[in-house]
């Protein structure tokens, strides 16, 4: 069985779709050594370097803008040359193909329902490619039941055409980092003994500003700092301006912008991120909207308590293991931070997280995808 996978995001980005694609590839290659995977991208990068005997990279060898990628002649030529039995579009879109079975992964429809959180060019792109892909694909993979219901409601797709296949995370999150390596990273990044952790793009819907406001609210009762792993643009500057205005600079650090992070390939490839989870006190992820919310799984696998939002797909993923807040309620977030200092509560949340994460192991989540492929051929 030869499966072609759109791996553009995997080679170029650090966002949720990129992690989804890399985890999917790694899981398929490891669990099913008898299949052949062909990864399509414009160019290879240091960000992702798959090393599996059953994985081959088909690169166009030229710089192609993402919005042009699926319709670019270079991709068409690569697919014709590789002749996959199935092509898997991992981010809402499919190239125009003939005589090839196709499956497309839909992560969310927030570009339709909440376009204010996205760049206009991205909204236009996803509104153009997503309904076409949903119509043309032989099978649609939705990463959550929440997203499946949105697809059915918004695009009037037959529910039987959609398979819900949950995400997993990098296998490294399920492994314990050595005490020596954690101590080395603590020194390298000058980490405090206790800290809250935020992982994800620094964009409006992920709600970092309200976390900062909650930390200002608790300034007299808690000095636990926040470590932010993630990058951003305009919204990042909004958060930084608030931090400066409220004199929170000593309590909130943007790790991805430090010289230590910029000079570390293992950090850029996210190989050190499991250690930061294992060193943290709790994950703060009160995102306003998520199609899935992979940091929750990463935290559960790492034995880390989770504070998240009571919206979108997050309760579906977090189950009874997470602490939930209204993402717009700053005082509610602040009260939750105070509660998270309770060691007994944290231990209880960690134990529940270890149970929940069994629903999201690589084997548990990759198997339904493989079964989908097999049913298509």
Protein backbone atom coordinates (compact mmCIF):
# COMPACT_ATOMS: atom_id res chain seq x y z
CA UNK A 1 0.00 0.00 0.00
CA UNK A 2 1.44 3.36 -1.06
CA UNK A 3 0.02 6.41 0.71
CA UNK A 4 0.79 9.93 -0.43
CA UNK A 5 0.66 12.57 2.30
CA UNK A 6 0.63 16.34 1.97
CA UNK A 7 3.58 17.12 4.26
CA UNK A 8 4.06 20.81 3.43
CA UNK A 9 3.01 21.87 6.93
CA UNK A 10 5.20 19.22 8.56
CA UNK A 11 8.34 20.62 6.94
CA UNK A 12 7.59 24.32 7.41
CA UNK A 13 5.54 25.05 10.52
CA UNK A 14 5.35 24.57 14.30
CA UNK A 15 1.57 24.85 14.65
CA UNK A 16 -1.04 22.24 15.49
CA UNK A 17 -1.56 21.10 11.90
CA UNK A 18 2.20 20.59 11.55
CA UNK A 19 2.35 18.50 14.73
CA UNK A 20 -0.68 16.53 13.56
CA UNK A 21 0.98 15.74 10.24
CA UNK A 22 4.33 14.76 11.76
CA UNK A 23 2.66 12.57 14.37
CA UNK A 24 0.51 10.90 11.73
CA UNK A 25 3.53 10.15 9.52
CA UNK A 26 5.68 8.91 12.40
CA UNK A 27 2.87 6.73 13.76
CA UNK A 28 2.00 5.16 10.40
CA UNK A 29 5.65 4.51 9.56
CA UNK A 30 6.35 2.90 12.94
CA UNK A 31 3.19 0.85 13.45
CA UNK A 32 2.80 -0.28 9.83
CA UNK A 33 6.28 -0.99 8.41
CA UNK A 34 4.75 -2.85 5.46
CA UNK A 35 3.23 0.26 3.90
CA UNK A 36 5.02 2.91 1.86
CA UNK A 37 4.58 6.60 2.64
CA UNK A 38 5.41 9.32 0.13
CA UNK A 39 5.66 12.79 1.66
CA UNK A 40 4.97 15.68 -0.70
CA UNK A 41 6.51 19.08 -0.03
CA UNK A 42 8.01 21.97 -1.95
CA UNK A 43 11.32 21.79 -0.06
CA UNK A 44 12.78 19.87 2.87
CA UNK A 45 13.88 21.70 6.01
CA UNK A 46 15.69 21.08 9.30
CA UNK A 47 12.38 21.37 11.12
CA UNK A 48 11.36 17.84 10.18
CA UNK A 49 13.73 15.06 9.16
CA UNK A 50 11.84 11.75 8.97
CA UNK A 51 14.10 8.73 9.14
CA UNK A 52 12.06 5.61 8.40
CA UNK A 53 12.84 2.89 5.84
CA UNK A 54 9.27 3.01 4.49
CA UNK A 55 9.11 6.81 4.11
CA UNK A 56 10.20 8.66 0.99
CA UNK A 57 10.17 12.43 0.54
CA UNK A 58 9.08 13.79 -2.84
CA UNK A 59 10.20 17.43 -2.89
CA UNK A 60 9.62 19.87 -5.74
CA UNK A 61 12.95 21.58 -5.03
CA UNK A 62 11.52 25.07 -5.24
CA UNK A 63 9.96 27.60 -2.90
CA UNK A 64 6.17 27.52 -3.35
CA UNK A 65 3.79 29.67 -1.29
CA UNK A 66 1.39 27.59 0.80
CA UNK A 67 -1.77 29.05 -0.74
CA UNK A 68 -0.44 28.01 -4.17
CA UNK A 69 0.84 24.59 -3.15
CA UNK A 70 -2.15 22.32 -3.79
CA UNK A 71 -2.80 23.72 -7.26
CA UNK A 72 0.84 24.00 -8.31
CA UNK A 73 1.93 21.96 -11.36
CA UNK A 74 5.02 20.77 -9.48
CA UNK A 75 2.84 18.93 -6.96
CA UNK A 76 0.75 17.41 -9.74
CA UNK A 77 3.90 16.13 -11.42
CA UNK A 78 5.24 14.64 -8.19
CA UNK A 79 1.98 12.80 -7.56
CA UNK A 80 1.86 11.41 -11.10
CA UNK A 81 5.45 10.20 -10.76
CA UNK A 82 4.86 8.58 -7.34
CA UNK A 83 1.50 6.97 -8.18
CA UNK A 84 0.08 6.66 -4.65
CA UNK A 85 -3.00 4.51 -4.20
CA UNK A 86 -4.36 7.07 -1.73
CA UNK A 87 -3.58 10.76 -1.30
CA UNK A 88 -4.15 12.25 2.16
CA UNK A 89 -4.63 16.02 2.34
CA UNK A 90 -3.72 16.88 5.92
CA UNK A 91 -4.93 20.48 6.03
CA UNK A 92 -8.42 20.99 4.56
CA UNK A 93 -7.47 20.84 0.90
CA UNK A 94 -6.77 18.45 -1.96
CA UNK A 95 -5.00 18.87 -5.29
CA UNK A 96 -7.06 18.18 -8.42
CA UNK A 97 -6.47 14.44 -8.89
CA UNK A 98 -7.80 11.73 -11.15
CA UNK A 99 -7.74 7.98 -10.56
CA UNK A 100 -6.45 8.40 -6.99
CA UNK A 101 -8.48 7.76 -3.87
CA UNK A 102 -8.47 10.78 -1.58
CA UNK A 103 -8.96 11.51 2.10
CA UNK A 104 -8.86 14.97 3.66
CA UNK A 105 -8.42 15.96 7.30
CA UNK A 106 -10.58 18.83 8.55
CA UNK A 107 -9.33 20.37 11.79
CA UNK A 108 -12.02 22.99 12.40
CA UNK A 109 -14.32 25.43 10.62
CA UNK A 110 -13.48 28.51 12.66
CA UNK A 111 -12.48 30.37 9.50
CA UNK A 112 -16.18 30.13 8.63
CA UNK A 113 -17.69 30.77 12.05
CA UNK A 114 -15.08 33.09 13.61
CA UNK A 115 -13.16 34.71 10.73
CA UNK A 116 -12.07 37.60 12.96
CA UNK A 117 -9.36 35.35 14.42
CA UNK A 118 -7.66 34.82 11.06
CA UNK A 119 -5.86 36.80 8.39
CA UNK A 120 -8.24 37.68 5.53
CA UNK A 121 -6.04 35.82 3.03
CA UNK A 122 -6.25 32.64 5.13
CA UNK A 123 -10.02 32.96 5.48
CA UNK A 124 -10.38 33.33 1.71
CA UNK A 125 -8.07 30.36 1.06
CA UNK A 126 -9.75 27.94 3.46
CA UNK A 127 -13.24 29.00 2.38
CA UNK A 128 -12.19 28.21 -1.17
CA UNK A 129 -10.49 24.83 -0.70
CA UNK A 130 -12.37 23.25 2.22
CA UNK A 131 -15.89 22.83 0.76
CA UNK A 132 -14.38 21.57 -2.51
CA UNK A 133 -12.26 19.01 -0.65
CA UNK A 134 -15.22 17.89 1.47
CA UNK A 135 -17.19 17.31 -1.71
CA UNK A 136 -14.42 15.61 -3.71
CA UNK A 137 -12.79 13.45 -1.04
CA UNK A 138 -13.74 9.81 -0.79
CA UNK A 139 -13.48 10.09 3.00
CA UNK A 140 -13.26 13.02 5.40
CA UNK A 141 -11.28 12.63 8.62
CA UNK A 142 -12.42 14.91 11.43
CA UNK A 143 -10.14 15.29 14.43
CA UNK A 144 -13.04 15.53 16.89
CA UNK A 145 -16.76 14.93 17.08
CA UNK A 146 -17.12 18.68 17.64
CA UNK A 147 -15.55 19.34 14.25
CA UNK A 148 -17.59 16.58 12.60
CA UNK A 149 -20.82 18.21 13.73
CA UNK A 150 -19.59 21.55 12.37
CA UNK A 151 -18.84 19.98 8.97
CA UNK A 152 -22.26 18.36 8.80
CA UNK A 153 -24.01 21.53 9.87
CA UNK A 154 -22.10 24.04 7.76
CA UNK A 155 -21.43 22.09 4.55
CA UNK A 156 -24.38 19.66 4.71
CA UNK A 157 -22.03 16.68 4.34
CA UNK A 158 -23.38 13.16 4.82
CA UNK A 159 -22.25 12.13 8.35
CA UNK A 160 -21.43 8.65 7.06
CA UNK A 161 -18.68 10.14 4.90
CA UNK A 162 -16.85 11.45 7.99
CA UNK A 163 -14.59 9.41 10.28
CA UNK A 164 -13.64 10.86 13.66
CA UNK A 165 -9.98 10.01 14.23
CA UNK A 166 -8.53 11.66 17.30
CA UNK A 167 -5.02 13.03 17.40
CA UNK A 168 -2.09 11.80 19.40
CA UNK A 169 1.18 13.55 20.13
CA UNK A 170 4.84 12.81 19.70
CA UNK A 171 5.84 9.53 21.36
CA UNK A 172 8.44 11.50 23.34
CA UNK A 173 5.68 12.91 25.56
CA UNK A 174 4.91 9.39 26.81
CA UNK A 175 8.52 8.88 27.91
CA UNK A 176 10.19 10.23 31.04
CA UNK A 177 13.02 12.67 30.43
CA UNK A 178 16.09 11.88 32.53
CA UNK A 179 16.73 13.99 35.59
CA UNK A 180 20.12 14.88 34.10
CA UNK A 181 18.56 16.23 30.91
CA UNK A 182 15.91 18.17 32.82
CA UNK A 183 18.58 19.72 35.04
CA UNK A 184 20.60 20.62 31.94
CA UNK A 185 17.61 22.34 30.33
CA UNK A 186 16.74 24.12 33.57
CA UNK A 187 20.24 25.62 33.54
CA UNK A 188 20.30 26.27 29.79
CA UNK A 189 17.01 28.19 29.84
CA UNK A 190 17.34 29.58 33.38
CA UNK A 191 14.02 28.03 34.43
CA UNK A 192 12.51 28.71 37.87
CA UNK A 193 11.70 25.90 40.29
CA UNK A 194 7.94 26.22 39.67
CA UNK A 195 6.18 27.70 36.66
CA UNK A 196 2.98 27.67 34.67
CA UNK A 197 3.37 26.57 31.05
CA UNK A 198 1.70 27.91 27.88
CA UNK A 199 2.36 26.05 24.61
CA UNK A 200 0.96 27.19 21.28
CA UNK A 201 0.89 30.03 18.81
CA UNK A 202 0.51 33.42 20.49
CA UNK A 203 -2.70 34.38 18.70
CA UNK A 204 -5.94 35.92 19.90
CA UNK A 205 -8.14 32.82 20.05
CA UNK A 206 -5.60 31.03 22.27
CA UNK A 207 -6.18 33.71 24.88
CA UNK A 208 -2.76 34.49 26.35
CA UNK A 209 -3.80 38.06 27.19
CA UNK A 210 -6.49 36.85 29.60
CA UNK A 211 -3.94 34.57 31.25
CA UNK A 212 -1.71 37.63 31.75
CA UNK A 213 -4.65 39.55 33.20
CA UNK A 214 -5.39 36.67 35.58
CA UNK A 215 -1.76 36.64 36.70
CA UNK A 216 -1.97 40.36 37.40
CA UNK A 217 -5.15 39.63 39.38
CA UNK A 218 -3.21 37.15 41.56
CA UNK A 219 -0.10 39.30 41.93
CA UNK A 220 -0.50 39.61 45.72
CA UNK A 221 -1.10 35.91 46.37
CA UNK A 222 1.13 34.09 43.89
CA UNK A 223 4.53 34.68 42.34
CA UNK A 224 4.54 31.59 40.10
CA UNK A 225 5.85 32.73 36.71
CA UNK A 226 4.59 31.76 33.25
CA UNK A 227 6.80 30.24 30.56
CA UNK A 228 5.44 30.73 27.03
CA UNK A 229 6.55 28.40 24.24
CA UNK A 230 5.20 29.74 20.98
CA UNK A 231 5.51 32.59 18.52
CA UNK A 232 3.18 35.33 17.33
CA UNK A 233 2.82 38.70 15.63
CA UNK A 234 0.35 41.51 16.35
CA UNK A 235 -1.37 39.76 19.24
CA UNK A 236 2.02 38.97 20.77
CA UNK A 237 2.77 42.68 20.83
CA UNK A 238 -0.61 43.36 22.45
CA UNK A 239 0.24 40.88 25.19
CA UNK A 240 3.72 42.31 25.63
CA UNK A 241 2.35 45.85 25.92
CA UNK A 242 -0.02 44.71 28.67
CA UNK A 243 2.83 42.91 30.45
CA UNK A 244 4.94 46.06 30.36
CA UNK A 245 2.05 48.25 31.49
CA UNK A 246 1.33 46.03 34.50
CA UNK A 247 5.02 45.41 35.29
CA UNK A 248 4.70 41.66 34.79
CA UNK A 249 7.96 41.28 32.88
CA UNK A 250 9.62 39.27 35.65
CA UNK A 251 6.74 36.79 35.77
CA UNK A 252 6.10 36.09 32.08
CA UNK A 253 8.87 34.85 29.77
CA UNK A 254 8.62 34.16 26.05
CA UNK A 255 11.03 31.26 25.80
CA UNK A 256 10.89 30.88 22.01
CA UNK A 257 12.46 34.33 21.60
CA UNK A 258 15.45 33.71 23.88
CA UNK A 259 18.93 33.21 22.49
CA UNK A 260 19.01 29.79 24.13
CA UNK A 261 15.95 28.70 22.12
CA UNK A 262 17.07 30.26 18.86
CA UNK A 263 20.42 28.49 19.10
CA UNK A 264 19.00 25.06 19.91
CA UNK A 265 18.00 22.77 17.03
CA UNK A 266 16.43 20.33 19.48
CA UNK A 267 14.22 23.15 20.76
CA UNK A 268 13.26 24.22 17.24
CA UNK A 269 12.37 20.62 16.37
CA UNK A 270 10.31 20.42 19.61
CA UNK A 271 12.38 17.49 20.92
CA UNK A 272 12.92 19.28 24.24
CA UNK A 273 9.29 20.31 24.75
CA UNK A 274 8.36 17.13 26.72
CA UNK A 275 10.95 18.11 29.32
CA UNK A 276 9.32 21.52 29.82
CA UNK A 277 5.98 19.80 30.38
CA UNK A 278 7.56 17.49 32.95
CA UNK A 279 9.20 20.43 34.74
CA UNK A 280 6.07 22.63 34.85
CA UNK A 281 3.45 23.02 37.57
CA UNK A 282 0.42 23.07 35.24
CA UNK A 283 -0.48 23.73 31.62
CA UNK A 284 -2.57 26.86 31.04
CA UNK A 285 -4.66 26.46 27.90
CA UNK A 286 -7.93 28.42 28.22
CA UNK A 287 -8.25 28.74 24.44
CA UNK A 288 -11.44 30.29 23.13
CA UNK A 289 -11.73 27.84 20.22
CA UNK A 290 -10.05 24.55 19.35
CA UNK A 291 -10.83 21.85 16.83
CA UNK A 292 -8.98 19.45 19.12
CA UNK A 293 -6.34 20.92 21.46
CA UNK A 294 -3.24 18.73 21.24
CA UNK A 295 -1.44 20.39 24.20
CA UNK A 296 -4.01 18.72 26.48
CA UNK A 297 -2.87 15.30 25.31
CA UNK A 298 0.77 16.31 25.61
CA UNK A 299 0.14 17.41 29.19
CA UNK A 300 -1.79 14.26 30.17
CA UNK A 301 0.98 12.10 28.70
CA UNK A 302 3.56 14.13 30.64
CA UNK A 303 1.79 13.87 33.99
CA UNK A 304 0.89 17.57 34.07
CA UNK A 305 -2.38 19.10 35.34
CA UNK A 306 -4.38 21.07 32.77
CA UNK A 307 -6.37 24.29 33.02
CA UNK A 308 -8.45 24.75 29.88
CA UNK A 309 -11.65 26.29 28.55
CA UNK A 310 -15.18 24.92 28.68
CA UNK A 311 -15.68 25.65 24.97
CA UNK A 312 -15.54 23.94 21.55
CA UNK A 313 -13.78 20.55 21.52
CA UNK A 314 -11.80 20.98 24.73
CA UNK A 315 -14.21 19.20 27.13
CA UNK A 316 -14.40 16.35 24.60
CA UNK A 317 -10.63 15.89 24.87
CA UNK A 318 -10.11 16.81 28.53
CA UNK A 319 -12.93 14.70 29.96
CA UNK A 320 -12.90 14.61 33.76
CA UNK A 321 -9.14 15.21 33.99
CA UNK A 322 -8.96 18.95 33.25
CA UNK A 323 -10.01 22.04 35.20
CA UNK A 324 -12.40 24.15 33.11
CA UNK A 325 -12.96 27.90 32.98
CA UNK A 326 -14.89 30.40 30.90
CA UNK A 327 -12.06 31.76 28.69
CA UNK A 328 -13.50 35.29 28.92
CA UNK A 329 -13.74 35.26 32.73
CA UNK A 330 -10.44 36.70 33.98
CA UNK A 331 -11.41 36.34 37.64
CA UNK A 332 -12.44 32.74 36.99
CA UNK A 333 -9.04 32.02 35.46
CA UNK A 334 -7.35 33.73 38.41
CA UNK A 335 -9.36 31.64 40.90
CA UNK A 336 -8.38 28.51 38.98
CA UNK A 337 -4.70 29.44 39.24
CA UNK A 338 -5.10 29.74 43.00
CA UNK A 339 -6.73 26.30 43.17
CA UNK A 340 -3.92 24.77 41.12
CA UNK A 341 -1.49 25.43 43.94
CA UNK A 342 -3.25 22.66 45.88
CA UNK A 343 -0.89 19.69 45.65
CA UNK A 344 -3.61 17.16 46.45
CA UNK A 345 -5.81 18.48 43.66
CA UNK A 346 -2.91 18.45 41.25
CA UNK A 347 -2.12 14.81 42.04
CA UNK A 348 -5.77 13.88 41.51
CA UNK A 349 -5.79 15.65 38.13
CA UNK A 350 -2.55 13.94 37.08
CA UNK A 351 -4.01 10.51 37.89
CA UNK A 352 -7.14 11.22 35.86
CA UNK A 353 -5.02 12.55 33.01
CA UNK A 354 -3.08 9.29 32.86
CA UNK A 355 -6.37 7.46 32.36
CA UNK A 356 -7.72 9.90 29.76
CA UNK A 357 -4.55 9.82 27.68
CA UNK A 358 -5.07 6.12 26.95
CA UNK A 359 -7.69 7.30 24.46
CA UNK A 360 -5.02 9.28 22.61
CA UNK A 361 -1.95 7.05 22.42
CA UNK A 362 -0.25 6.73 19.01
CA UNK A 363 -1.55 3.17 18.59
CA UNK A 364 -5.10 4.13 19.58
CA UNK A 365 -5.29 7.08 17.21
CA UNK A 366 -3.30 5.80 14.23
CA UNK A 367 -5.19 2.52 13.94
CA UNK A 368 -8.51 4.14 12.85
CA UNK A 369 -6.66 6.11 10.16
CA UNK A 370 -5.08 2.93 8.83
CA UNK A 371 -8.44 1.18 8.89
CA UNK A 372 -9.86 4.07 6.88
CA UNK A 373 -7.15 3.64 4.24
CA UNK A 374 -7.78 -0.08 4.00
CA UNK A 375 -11.51 0.38 3.56
CA UNK A 376 -10.86 2.78 0.68
CA UNK A 377 -8.86 0.30 -1.41
